[in-house]
Amino acid sequence: MKTTGHLGAYVTGGGGFYRKLTTFTQPVYVGDYCDYFYGCYPQYQNVTLSHFSSNQGGANLGAGVTYKLNPDGKAKFYGEVRYVWVDSPKSSASIIGTGTVGMIPVTFGFRW
């Protein structure tokens, strides 16, 4: 939706398919690394302890504003905020990854 001059505004939303991934890791000592300049120091590597993924439907709704940098050009700076809702089933053999998720991402950028 166009407002006036340099400023504009818009509303966005929709539904979608979301895949949630959860991975639990722990750093494990794997030995020392010795460097000619800095000496020796310990090295760690992440080991996966547990992994869970699930697929759900969800929806999002948001609004944004734009600022046209040059009246004759197409480049615009924008800022946007959304509410994202992902439904997760409650009936599961495990409680890992269950429960509805709601988040509010904020985005800034350039369009041209």
PDB file of N, CA and C in Angstrom:
ATOM      1  N   MET A   1       0.845  -1.152   0.000  1.00  0.00           N
ATOM      2  CA  MET A   1       0.000   0.000   0.000  1.00  0.00           C
ATOM      3  C   MET A   1       0.903   1.232   0.000  1.00  0.00           C
ATOM      4  N   LYS A   2       0.722   2.078  -0.954  1.00  0.00           N
ATOM      5  CA  LYS A   2       1.522   3.300  -1.100  1.00  0.00           C
ATOM      6  C   LYS A   2       0.942   4.391  -0.232  1.00  0.00           C
ATOM      7  N   THR A   3       1.797   5.111   0.495  1.00  0.00           N
ATOM      8  CA  THR A   3       1.325   6.251   1.276  1.00  0.00           C
ATOM      9  C   THR A   3       1.745   7.530   0.560  1.00  0.00           C
ATOM     10  N   THR A   4       2.749   8.251   1.035  1.00  0.00           N
ATOM     11  CA  THR A   4       3.119   9.502   0.382  1.00  0.00           C
ATOM     12  C   THR A   4       4.617   9.574   0.149  1.00  0.00           C
ATOM     13  N   GLY A   5       5.019  10.233  -0.926  1.00  0.00           N
ATOM     14  CA  GLY A   5       6.415  10.536  -1.206  1.00  0.00           C
ATOM     15  C   GLY A   5       7.385   9.403  -0.990  1.00  0.00           C
ATOM     16  N   HIS A   6       8.264   9.589  -0.031  1.00  0.00           N
ATOM     17  CA  HIS A   6       9.311   8.619   0.254  1.00  0.00           C
ATOM     18  C   HIS A   6       8.815   7.422   1.079  1.00  0.00           C
ATOM     19  N   LEU A   7       7.726   7.574   1.806  1.00  0.00           N
ATOM     20  CA  LEU A   7       7.277   6.537   2.724  1.00  0.00           C
ATOM     21  C   LEU A   7       6.216   5.632   2.117  1.00  0.00           C
ATOM     22  N   GLY A   8       6.246   4.366   2.495  1.00  0.00           N
ATOM     23  CA  GLY A   8       5.248   3.389   2.086  1.00  0.00           C
ATOM     24  C   GLY A   8       5.012   2.409   3.214  1.00  0.00           C
ATOM     25  N   ALA A   9       3.928   1.663   3.122  1.00  0.00           N
ATOM     26  CA  ALA A   9       3.607   0.670   4.133  1.00  0.00           C
ATOM     27  C   ALA A   9       2.953  -0.527   3.463  1.00  0.00           C
ATOM     28  N   TYR A  10       3.047  -1.679   4.109  1.00  0.00           N
ATOM     29  CA  TYR A  10       2.422  -2.878   3.568  1.00  0.00           C
ATOM     30  C   TYR A  10       2.072  -3.848   4.682  1.00  0.00           C
ATOM     31  N   VAL A  11       1.176  -4.761   4.371  1.00  0.00           N
ATOM     32  CA  VAL A  11       0.764  -5.833   5.273  1.00  0.00           C
ATOM     33  C   VAL A  11       1.043  -7.138   4.553  1.00  0.00           C
ATOM     34  N   THR A  12       1.536  -8.133   5.268  1.00  0.00           N
ATOM     35  CA  THR A  12       1.857  -9.422   4.671  1.00  0.00           C
ATOM     36  C   THR A  12       1.387 -10.545   5.581  1.00  0.00           C
ATOM     37  N   GLY A  13       1.191 -11.708   5.017  1.00  0.00           N
ATOM     38  CA  GLY A  13       0.767 -12.845   5.823  1.00  0.00           C
ATOM     39  C   GLY A  13       0.598 -14.078   4.966  1.00  0.00           C
ATOM     40  N   GLY A  14       0.371 -15.193   5.609  1.00  0.00           N
ATOM     41  CA  GLY A  14       0.129 -16.425   4.882  1.00  0.00           C
ATOM     42  C   GLY A  14       0.304 -17.636   5.773  1.00  0.00           C
ATOM     43  N   GLY A  15       0.162 -18.795   5.160  1.00  0.00           N
ATOM     44  CA  GLY A  15       0.319 -20.054   5.858  1.00  0.00           C
ATOM     45  C   GLY A  15       1.462 -20.828   5.241  1.00  0.00           C
ATOM     46  N   GLY A  16       1.880 -21.877   5.913  1.00  0.00           N
ATOM     47  CA  GLY A  16       2.979 -22.639   5.350  1.00  0.00           C
ATOM     48  C   GLY A  16       3.247 -23.927   6.098  1.00  0.00           C
ATOM     49  N   PHE A  17       4.274 -24.586   5.657  1.00  0.00           N
ATOM     50  CA  PHE A  17       4.725 -25.859   6.202  1.00  0.00           C
ATOM     51  C   PHE A  17       6.073 -25.606   6.859  1.00  0.00           C
ATOM     52  N   TYR A  18       6.193 -25.938   8.124  1.00  0.00           N
ATOM     53  CA  TYR A  18       7.406 -25.663   8.886  1.00  0.00           C
ATOM     54  C   TYR A  18       8.045 -26.961   9.346  1.00  0.00           C
ATOM     55  N   ARG A  19       9.352 -27.015   9.317  1.00  0.00           N
ATOM     56  CA  ARG A  19      10.101 -28.155   9.828  1.00  0.00           C
ATOM     57  C   ARG A  19      10.939 -27.672  10.997  1.00  0.00           C
ATOM     58  N   LYS A  20      10.696 -28.230  12.174  1.00  0.00           N
ATOM     59  CA  LYS A  20      11.439 -27.855  13.378  1.00  0.00           C
ATOM     60  C   LYS A  20      12.541 -28.878  13.607  1.00  0.00           C
ATOM     61  N   LEU A  21      13.752 -28.387  13.830  1.00  0.00           N
ATOM     62  CA  LEU A  21      14.902 -29.238  14.113  1.00  0.00           C
ATOM     63  C   LEU A  21      15.472 -28.867  15.472  1.00  0.00           C
ATOM     64  N   THR A  22      15.743 -29.873  16.278  1.00  0.00           N
ATOM     65  CA  THR A  22      16.362 -29.664  17.573  1.00  0.00           C
ATOM     66  C   THR A  22      17.525 -30.633  17.710  1.00  0.00           C
ATOM     67  N   THR A  23      18.709 -30.112  18.019  1.00  0.00           N
ATOM     68  CA  THR A  23      19.887 -30.948  18.202  1.00  0.00           C
ATOM     69  C   THR A  23      20.577 -30.530  19.497  1.00  0.00           C
ATOM     70  N   PHE A  24      20.874 -31.501  20.347  1.00  0.00           N
ATOM     71  CA  PHE A  24      21.593 -31.256  21.586  1.00  0.00           C
ATOM     72  C   PHE A  24      23.015 -31.771  21.413  1.00  0.00           C
ATOM     73  N   THR A  25      24.002 -30.916  21.675  1.00  0.00           N
ATOM     74  CA  THR A  25      25.404 -31.300  21.529  1.00  0.00           C
ATOM     75  C   THR A  25      26.161 -31.015  22.814  1.00  0.00           C
ATOM     76  N   GLN A  26      27.333 -31.614  22.903  1.00  0.00           N
ATOM     77  CA  GLN A  26      28.212 -31.375  24.046  1.00  0.00           C
ATOM     78  C   GLN A  26      29.650 -31.370  23.542  1.00  0.00           C
ATOM     79  N   PRO A  27      30.453 -30.367  23.949  1.00  0.00           N
ATOM     80  CA  PRO A  27      31.854 -30.364  23.527  1.00  0.00           C
ATOM     81  C   PRO A  27      32.639 -31.468  24.239  1.00  0.00           C
ATOM     82  N   VAL A  28      33.480 -32.164  23.479  1.00  0.00           N
ATOM     83  CA  VAL A  28      34.294 -33.256  24.015  1.00  0.00           C
ATOM     84  C   VAL A  28      35.749 -32.966  23.681  1.00  0.00           C
ATOM     85  N   TYR A  29      36.619 -33.148  24.663  1.00  0.00           N
ATOM     86  CA  TYR A  29      38.051 -32.932  24.481  1.00  0.00           C
ATOM     87  C   TYR A  29      38.613 -34.010  23.544  1.00  0.00           C
ATOM     88  N   VAL A  30      39.321 -33.583  22.467  1.00  0.00           N
ATOM     89  CA  VAL A  30      39.873 -34.539  21.505  1.00  0.00           C
ATOM     90  C   VAL A  30      41.401 -34.521  21.466  1.00  0.00           C
ATOM     91  N   GLY A  31      42.035 -33.685  22.260  1.00  0.00           N
ATOM     92  CA  GLY A  31      43.496 -33.651  22.309  1.00  0.00           C
ATOM     93  C   GLY A  31      44.023 -32.234  22.267  1.00  0.00           C
ATOM     94  N   ASP A  32      45.329 -32.124  22.246  1.00  0.00           N
ATOM     95  CA  ASP A  32      45.977 -30.813  22.174  1.00  0.00           C
ATOM     96  C   ASP A  32      46.475 -30.549  20.762  1.00  0.00           C
ATOM     97  N   TYR A  33      46.451 -29.267  20.392  1.00  0.00           N
ATOM     98  CA  TYR A  33      47.004 -28.839  19.114  1.00  0.00           C
ATOM     99  C   TYR A  33      48.173 -27.914  19.413  1.00  0.00           C
ATOM    100  N   CYS A  34      49.305 -28.186  18.806  1.00  0.00           N
ATOM    101  CA  CYS A  34      50.488 -27.360  19.044  1.00  0.00           C
ATOM    102  C   CYS A  34      50.821 -26.568  17.784  1.00  0.00           C
ATOM    103  N   ASP A  35      50.966 -25.275  17.977  1.00  0.00           N
ATOM    104  CA  ASP A  35      51.259 -24.353  16.895  1.00  0.00           C
ATOM    105  C   ASP A  35      52.658 -23.779  17.115  1.00  0.00           C
ATOM    106  N   TYR A  36      53.404 -23.560  16.063  1.00  0.00           N
ATOM    107  CA  TYR A  36      54.773 -23.055  16.150  1.00  0.00           C
ATOM    108  C   TYR A  36      54.831 -21.675  16.818  1.00  0.00           C
ATOM    109  N   PHE A  37      53.832 -20.820  16.525  1.00  0.00           N
ATOM    110  CA  PHE A  37      53.853 -19.451  17.028  1.00  0.00           C
ATOM    111  C   PHE A  37      53.181 -19.279  18.391  1.00  0.00           C
ATOM    112  N   TYR A  38      52.099 -20.012  18.646  1.00  0.00           N
ATOM    113  CA  TYR A  38      51.285 -19.759  19.836  1.00  0.00           C
ATOM    114  C   TYR A  38      51.367 -20.851  20.895  1.00  0.00           C
ATOM    115  N   GLY A  39      52.091 -21.907  20.666  1.00  0.00           N
ATOM    116  CA  GLY A  39      52.201 -22.973  21.663  1.00  0.00           C
ATOM    117  C   GLY A  39      51.083 -23.991  21.526  1.00  0.00           C
ATOM    118  N   CYS A  40      50.844 -24.737  22.594  1.00  0.00           N
ATOM    119  CA  CYS A  40      49.833 -25.797  22.590  1.00  0.00           C
ATOM    120  C   CYS A  40      48.568 -25.343  23.321  1.00  0.00           C
ATOM    121  N   TYR A  41      47.422 -25.774  22.809  1.00  0.00           N
ATOM    122  CA  TYR A  41      46.148 -25.480  23.461  1.00  0.00           C
ATOM    123  C   TYR A  41      45.177 -26.625  23.177  1.00  0.00           C
ATOM    124  N   PRO A  42      44.166 -26.809  24.066  1.00  0.00           N
ATOM    125  CA  PRO A  42      43.245 -27.940  23.918  1.00  0.00           C
ATOM    126  C   PRO A  42      42.288 -27.755  22.734  1.00  0.00           C
ATOM    127  N   GLN A  43      41.913 -28.873  22.137  1.00  0.00           N
ATOM    128  CA  GLN A  43      40.956 -28.890  21.025  1.00  0.00           C
ATOM    129  C   GLN A  43      39.695 -29.614  21.474  1.00  0.00           C
ATOM    130  N   TYR A  44      38.530 -29.069  21.104  1.00  0.00           N
ATOM    131  CA  TYR A  44      37.239 -29.662  21.443  1.00  0.00           C
ATOM    132  C   TYR A  44      36.429 -29.859  20.171  1.00  0.00           C
ATOM    133  N   GLN A  45      35.559 -30.863  20.198  1.00  0.00           N
ATOM    134  CA  GLN A  45      34.684 -31.151  19.064  1.00  0.00           C
ATOM    135  C   GLN A  45      33.291 -31.427  19.618  1.00  0.00           C
ATOM    136  N   ASN A  46      32.250 -30.889  18.965  1.00  0.00           N
ATOM    137  CA  ASN A  46      30.884 -31.125  19.414  1.00  0.00           C
ATOM    138  C   ASN A  46      30.428 -32.519  19.023  1.00  0.00           C
ATOM    139  N   VAL A  47      29.826 -33.226  19.977  1.00  0.00           N
ATOM    140  CA  VAL A  47      29.261 -34.552  19.754  1.00  0.00           C
ATOM    141  C   VAL A  47      27.753 -34.448  19.941  1.00  0.00           C
ATOM    142  N   THR A  48      26.973 -34.990  19.002  1.00  0.00           N
ATOM    143  CA  THR A  48      25.517 -34.948  19.079  1.00  0.00           C
ATOM    144  C   THR A  48      25.021 -35.944  20.119  1.00  0.00           C
ATOM    145  N   LEU A  49      24.273 -35.439  21.096  1.00  0.00           N
ATOM    146  CA  LEU A  49      23.695 -36.290  22.140  1.00  0.00           C
ATOM    147  C   LEU A  49      22.285 -36.749  21.769  1.00  0.00           C
ATOM    148  N   SER A  50      21.521 -35.858  21.140  1.00  0.00           N
ATOM    149  CA  SER A  50      20.149 -36.172  20.761  1.00  0.00           C
ATOM    150  C   SER A  50      19.738 -35.270  19.598  1.00  0.00           C
ATOM    151  N   HIS A  51      18.852 -35.789  18.753  1.00  0.00           N
ATOM    152  CA  HIS A  51      18.366 -35.031  17.597  1.00  0.00           C
ATOM    153  C   HIS A  51      16.885 -35.328  17.427  1.00  0.00           C
ATOM    154  N   PHE A  52      16.095 -34.298  17.149  1.00  0.00           N
ATOM    155  CA  PHE A  52      14.662 -34.467  16.954  1.00  0.00           C
ATOM    156  C   PHE A  52      14.209 -33.525  15.857  1.00  0.00           C
ATOM    157  N   SER A  53      13.309 -33.987  14.988  1.00  0.00           N
ATOM    158  CA  SER A  53      12.717 -33.116  13.970  1.00  0.00           C
ATOM    159  C   SER A  53      11.230 -33.419  13.861  1.00  0.00           C
ATOM    160  N   SER A  54      10.462 -32.408  13.498  1.00  0.00           N
ATOM    161  CA  SER A  54       9.022 -32.590  13.317  1.00  0.00           C
ATOM    162  C   SER A  54       8.519 -31.606  12.271  1.00  0.00           C
ATOM    163  N   ASN A  55       7.403 -31.954  11.632  1.00  0.00           N
ATOM    164  CA  ASN A  55       6.796 -31.141  10.576  1.00  0.00           C
ATOM    165  C   ASN A  55       5.419 -30.676  11.032  1.00  0.00           C
ATOM    166  N   GLN A  56       5.135 -29.377  10.877  1.00  0.00           N
ATOM    167  CA  GLN A  56       3.852 -28.823  11.271  1.00  0.00           C
ATOM    168  C   GLN A  56       3.394 -27.753  10.298  1.00  0.00           C
ATOM    169  N   GLY A  57       2.112 -27.454  10.380  1.00  0.00           N
ATOM    170  CA  GLY A  57       1.562 -26.321   9.649  1.00  0.00           C
ATOM    171  C   GLY A  57       1.628 -25.087  10.525  1.00  0.00           C
ATOM    172  N   GLY A  58       1.583 -23.932   9.898  1.00  0.00           N
ATOM    173  CA  GLY A  58       1.645 -22.696  10.662  1.00  0.00           C
ATOM    174  C   GLY A  58       1.153 -21.518   9.849  1.00  0.00           C
ATOM    175  N   ALA A  59       1.169 -20.354  10.452  1.00  0.00           N
ATOM    176  CA  ALA A  59       0.714 -19.132   9.800  1.00  0.00           C
ATOM    177  C   ALA A  59       1.563 -17.960  10.279  1.00  0.00           C
ATOM    178  N   ASN A  60       1.546 -16.881   9.498  1.00  0.00           N
ATOM    179  CA  ASN A  60       2.251 -15.673   9.904  1.00  0.00           C
ATOM    180  C   ASN A  60       1.491 -14.450   9.429  1.00  0.00           C
ATOM    181  N   LEU A  61       1.646 -13.363  10.157  1.00  0.00           N
ATOM    182  CA  LEU A  61       0.999 -12.094   9.830  1.00  0.00           C
ATOM    183  C   LEU A  61       1.947 -10.986  10.238  1.00  0.00           C
ATOM    184  N   GLY A  62       2.112  -9.996   9.358  1.00  0.00           N
ATOM    185  CA  GLY A  62       3.047  -8.933   9.673  1.00  0.00           C
ATOM    186  C   GLY A  62       2.756  -7.638   8.940  1.00  0.00           C
ATOM    187  N   ALA A  63       3.562  -6.636   9.257  1.00  0.00           N
ATOM    188  CA  ALA A  63       3.448  -5.327   8.617  1.00  0.00           C
ATOM    189  C   ALA A  63       4.847  -4.746   8.454  1.00  0.00           C
ATOM    190  N   GLY A  64       4.980  -3.865   7.472  1.00  0.00           N
ATOM    191  CA  GLY A  64       6.273  -3.255   7.231  1.00  0.00           C
ATOM    192  C   GLY A  64       6.147  -1.837   6.714  1.00  0.00           C
ATOM    193  N   VAL A  65       7.250  -1.126   6.767  1.00  0.00           N
ATOM    194  CA  VAL A  65       7.327   0.227   6.225  1.00  0.00           C
ATOM    195  C   VAL A  65       8.526   0.300   5.286  1.00  0.00           C
ATOM    196  N   THR A  66       8.413   1.145   4.267  1.00  0.00           N
ATOM    197  CA  THR A  66       9.505   1.351   3.317  1.00  0.00           C
ATOM    198  C   THR A  66       9.839   2.834   3.248  1.00  0.00           C
ATOM    199  N   TYR A  67      11.100   3.104   2.937  1.00  0.00           N
ATOM    200  CA  TYR A  67      11.555   4.477   2.731  1.00  0.00           C
ATOM    201  C   TYR A  67      12.322   4.507   1.416  1.00  0.00           C
ATOM    202  N   LYS A  68      11.801   5.251   0.452  1.00  0.00           N
ATOM    203  CA  LYS A  68      12.431   5.364  -0.864  1.00  0.00           C
ATOM    204  C   LYS A  68      13.623   6.310  -0.760  1.00  0.00           C
ATOM    205  N   LEU A  69      14.807   5.788  -1.080  1.00  0.00           N
ATOM    206  CA  LEU A  69      16.034   6.562  -0.926  1.00  0.00           C
ATOM    207  C   LEU A  69      16.144   7.701  -1.932  1.00  0.00           C
ATOM    208  N   ASN A  70      15.711   7.476  -3.164  1.00  0.00           N
ATOM    209  CA  ASN A  70      15.793   8.474  -4.225  1.00  0.00           C
ATOM    210  C   ASN A  70      14.426   8.541  -4.895  1.00  0.00           C
ATOM    211  N   PRO A  71      13.824   9.721  -5.030  1.00  0.00           N
ATOM    212  CA  PRO A  71      12.479   9.817  -5.623  1.00  0.00           C
ATOM    213  C   PRO A  71      12.412   9.264  -7.049  1.00  0.00           C
ATOM    214  N   ASP A  72      13.525   9.310  -7.790  1.00  0.00           N
ATOM    215  CA  ASP A  72      13.521   8.837  -9.170  1.00  0.00           C
ATOM    216  C   ASP A  72      13.947   7.370  -9.296  1.00  0.00           C
ATOM    217  N   GLY A  73      14.539   6.813  -8.258  1.00  0.00           N
ATOM    218  CA  GLY A  73      15.045   5.439  -8.301  1.00  0.00           C
ATOM    219  C   GLY A  73      14.070   4.442  -7.692  1.00  0.00           C
ATOM    220  N   LYS A  74      14.498   3.170  -7.705  1.00  0.00           N
ATOM    221  CA  LYS A  74      13.669   2.108  -7.154  1.00  0.00           C
ATOM    222  C   LYS A  74      14.171   1.590  -5.811  1.00  0.00           C
ATOM    223  N   ALA A  75      15.347   2.000  -5.367  1.00  0.00           N
ATOM    224  CA  ALA A  75      15.934   1.494  -4.126  1.00  0.00           C
ATOM    225  C   ALA A  75      15.141   1.978  -2.912  1.00  0.00           C
ATOM    226  N   LYS A  76      14.843   1.034  -2.007  1.00  0.00           N
ATOM    227  CA  LYS A  76      14.094   1.352  -0.790  1.00  0.00           C
ATOM    228  C   LYS A  76      14.732   0.645   0.397  1.00  0.00           C
ATOM    229  N   PHE A  77      14.727   1.302   1.533  1.00  0.00           N
ATOM    230  CA  PHE A  77      15.074   0.688   2.805  1.00  0.00           C
ATOM    231  C   PHE A  77      13.764   0.225   3.424  1.00  0.00           C
ATOM    232  N   TYR A  78      13.739  -0.975   4.034  1.00  0.00           N
ATOM    233  CA  TYR A  78      12.499  -1.446   4.641  1.00  0.00           C
ATOM    234  C   TYR A  78      12.748  -2.026   6.029  1.00  0.00           C
ATOM    235  N   GLY A  79      11.704  -2.006   6.826  1.00  0.00           N
ATOM    236  CA  GLY A  79      11.678  -2.648   8.138  1.00  0.00           C
ATOM    237  C   GLY A  79      10.370  -3.404   8.257  1.00  0.00           C
ATOM    238  N   GLU A  80      10.442  -4.614   8.813  1.00  0.00           N
ATOM    239  CA  GLU A  80       9.251  -5.461   8.860  1.00  0.00           C
ATOM    240  C   GLU A  80       9.210  -6.230  10.170  1.00  0.00           C
ATOM    241  N   VAL A  81       8.023  -6.420  10.707  1.00  0.00           N
ATOM    242  CA  VAL A  81       7.825  -7.246  11.895  1.00  0.00           C
ATOM    243  C   VAL A  81       6.682  -8.221  11.596  1.00  0.00           C
ATOM    244  N   ARG A  82       6.855  -9.481  12.023  1.00  0.00           N
ATOM    245  CA  ARG A  82       5.849 -10.523  11.799  1.00  0.00           C
ATOM    246  C   ARG A  82       5.605 -11.284  13.095  1.00  0.00           C
ATOM    247  N   TYR A  83       4.424 -11.877  13.167  1.00  0.00           N
ATOM    248  CA  TYR A  83       4.155 -12.868  14.204  1.00  0.00           C
ATOM    249  C   TYR A  83       4.044 -14.206  13.486  1.00  0.00           C
ATOM    250  N   VAL A  84       4.893 -15.171  13.868  1.00  0.00           N
ATOM    251  CA  VAL A  84       4.892 -16.502  13.253  1.00  0.00           C
ATOM    252  C   VAL A  84       4.397 -17.493  14.295  1.00  0.00           C
ATOM    253  N   TRP A  85       3.381 -18.279  13.920  1.00  0.00           N
ATOM    254  CA  TRP A  85       2.791 -19.276  14.796  1.00  0.00           C
ATOM    255  C   TRP A  85       2.922 -20.642  14.138  1.00  0.00           C
ATOM    256  N   VAL A  86       3.522 -21.612  14.857  1.00  0.00           N
ATOM    257  CA  VAL A  86       3.692 -22.972  14.344  1.00  0.00           C
ATOM    258  C   VAL A  86       3.004 -23.922  15.314  1.00  0.00           C
ATOM    259  N   ASP A  87       2.018 -24.667  14.810  1.00  0.00           N
ATOM    260  CA  ASP A  87       1.266 -25.614  15.620  1.00  0.00           C
ATOM    261  C   ASP A  87       2.039 -26.920  15.725  1.00  0.00           C
ATOM    262  N   SER A  88       2.150 -27.452  16.936  1.00  0.00           N
ATOM    263  CA  SER A  88       2.821 -28.730  17.156  1.00  0.00           C
ATOM    264  C   SER A  88       1.867 -29.671  17.871  1.00  0.00           C
ATOM    265  N   PRO A  89       1.823 -30.913  17.444  1.00  0.00           N
ATOM    266  CA  PRO A  89       0.905 -31.852  18.090  1.00  0.00           C
ATOM    267  C   PRO A  89       1.319 -32.154  19.524  1.00  0.00           C
ATOM    268  N   LYS A  90       0.345 -32.328  20.397  1.00  0.00           N
ATOM    269  CA  LYS A  90       0.615 -32.631  21.798  1.00  0.00           C
ATOM    270  C   LYS A  90       0.778 -34.133  22.026  1.00  0.00           C
ATOM    271  N   SER A  91       0.117 -34.970  21.208  1.00  0.00           N
ATOM    272  CA  SER A  91       0.182 -36.414  21.422  1.00  0.00           C
ATOM    273  C   SER A  91       1.421 -36.981  20.744  1.00  0.00           C
ATOM    274  N   SER A  92       2.371 -37.423  21.545  1.00  0.00           N
ATOM    275  CA  SER A  92       3.623 -37.951  21.047  1.00  0.00           C
ATOM    276  C   SER A  92       4.188 -38.919  22.077  1.00  0.00           C
ATOM    277  N   ALA A  93       4.985 -39.869  21.620  1.00  0.00           N
ATOM    278  CA  ALA A  93       5.639 -40.794  22.547  1.00  0.00           C
ATOM    279  C   ALA A  93       6.695 -40.066  23.372  1.00  0.00           C
ATOM    280  N   SER A  94       7.150 -38.906  22.884  1.00  0.00           N
ATOM    281  CA  SER A  94       8.167 -38.129  23.568  1.00  0.00           C
ATOM    282  C   SER A  94       7.696 -36.687  23.668  1.00  0.00           C
ATOM    283  N   ILE A  95       8.100 -35.973  24.709  1.00  0.00           N
ATOM    284  CA  ILE A  95       7.711 -34.567  24.842  1.00  0.00           C
ATOM    285  C   ILE A  95       8.666 -33.648  24.096  1.00  0.00           C
ATOM    286  N   ILE A  96       9.736 -34.189  23.513  1.00  0.00           N
ATOM    287  CA  ILE A  96      10.713 -33.372  22.804  1.00  0.00           C
ATOM    288  C   ILE A  96      10.071 -32.805  21.535  1.00  0.00           C
ATOM    289  N   GLY A  97      10.152 -31.515  21.342  1.00  0.00           N
ATOM    290  CA  GLY A  97       9.667 -30.868  20.135  1.00  0.00           C
ATOM    291  C   GLY A  97       8.183 -30.620  20.086  1.00  0.00           C
ATOM    292  N   THR A  98       7.440 -30.955  21.144  1.00  0.00           N
ATOM    293  CA  THR A  98       6.002 -30.731  21.118  1.00  0.00           C
ATOM    294  C   THR A  98       5.677 -29.379  21.726  1.00  0.00           C
ATOM    295  N   GLY A  99       4.510 -28.885  21.408  1.00  0.00           N
ATOM    296  CA  GLY A  99       4.072 -27.595  21.918  1.00  0.00           C
ATOM    297  C   GLY A  99       4.061 -26.547  20.829  1.00  0.00           C
ATOM    298  N   THR A 100       3.110 -25.654  20.899  1.00  0.00           N
ATOM    299  CA  THR A 100       2.974 -24.599  19.903  1.00  0.00           C
ATOM    300  C   THR A 100       4.077 -23.566  20.084  1.00  0.00           C
ATOM    301  N   VAL A 101       4.599 -23.065  18.972  1.00  0.00           N
ATOM    302  CA  VAL A 101       5.686 -22.092  18.986  1.00  0.00           C
ATOM    303  C   VAL A 101       5.181 -20.776  18.404  1.00  0.00           C
ATOM    304  N   GLY A 102       5.481 -19.679  19.074  1.00  0.00           N
ATOM    305  CA  GLY A 102       5.182 -18.350  18.566  1.00  0.00           C
ATOM    306  C   GLY A 102       6.436 -17.499  18.644  1.00  0.00           C
ATOM    307  N   MET A 103       6.747 -16.787  17.572  1.00  0.00           N
ATOM    308  CA  MET A 103       7.937 -15.928  17.577  1.00  0.00           C
ATOM    309  C   MET A 103       7.659 -14.657  16.786  1.00  0.00           C
ATOM    310  N   ILE A 104       8.451 -13.628  17.064  1.00  0.00           N
ATOM    311  CA  ILE A 104       8.282 -12.337  16.394  1.00  0.00           C
ATOM    312  C   ILE A 104       9.620 -11.921  15.790  1.00  0.00           C
ATOM    313  N   PRO A 105       9.897 -12.323  14.531  1.00  0.00           N
ATOM    314  CA  PRO A 105      11.124 -11.870  13.881  1.00  0.00           C
ATOM    315  C   PRO A 105      10.987 -10.431  13.368  1.00  0.00           C
ATOM    316  N   VAL A 106      12.066  -9.678  13.461  1.00  0.00           N
ATOM    317  CA  VAL A 106      12.131  -8.302  12.945  1.00  0.00           C
ATOM    318  C   VAL A 106      13.214  -8.285  11.864  1.00  0.00           C
ATOM    319  N   THR A 107      12.875  -7.728  10.694  1.00  0.00           N
ATOM    320  CA  THR A 107      13.783  -7.742   9.548  1.00  0.00           C
ATOM    321  C   THR A 107      14.004  -6.329   9.026  1.00  0.00           C
ATOM    322  N   PHE A 108      15.251  -6.018   8.663  1.00  0.00           N
ATOM    323  CA  PHE A 108      15.603  -4.757   8.016  1.00  0.00           C
ATOM    324  C   PHE A 108      16.394  -5.085   6.755  1.00  0.00           C
ATOM    325  N   GLY A 109      16.259  -4.270   5.719  1.00  0.00           N
ATOM    326  CA  GLY A 109      17.009  -4.534   4.512  1.00  0.00           C
ATOM    327  C   GLY A 109      16.797  -3.489   3.441  1.00  0.00           C
ATOM    328  N   PHE A 110      17.323  -3.792   2.238  1.00  0.00           N
ATOM    329  CA  PHE A 110      17.199  -2.926   1.065  1.00  0.00           C
ATOM    330  C   PHE A 110      16.491  -3.674  -0.048  1.00  0.00           C
ATOM    331  N   ARG A 111      15.660  -2.990  -0.783  1.00  0.00           N
ATOM    332  CA  ARG A 111      15.016  -3.520  -1.991  1.00  0.00           C
ATOM    333  C   ARG A 111      15.392  -2.631  -3.161  1.00  0.00           C
ATOM    334  N   TRP A 112      15.534  -3.240  -4.310  1.00  0.00           N
ATOM    335  CA  TRP A 112      15.791  -2.439  -5.514  1.00  0.00           C
ATOM    336  C   TRP A 112      15.188  -3.065  -6.727  1.00  0.00           C
TER     337      TRP A 112
END
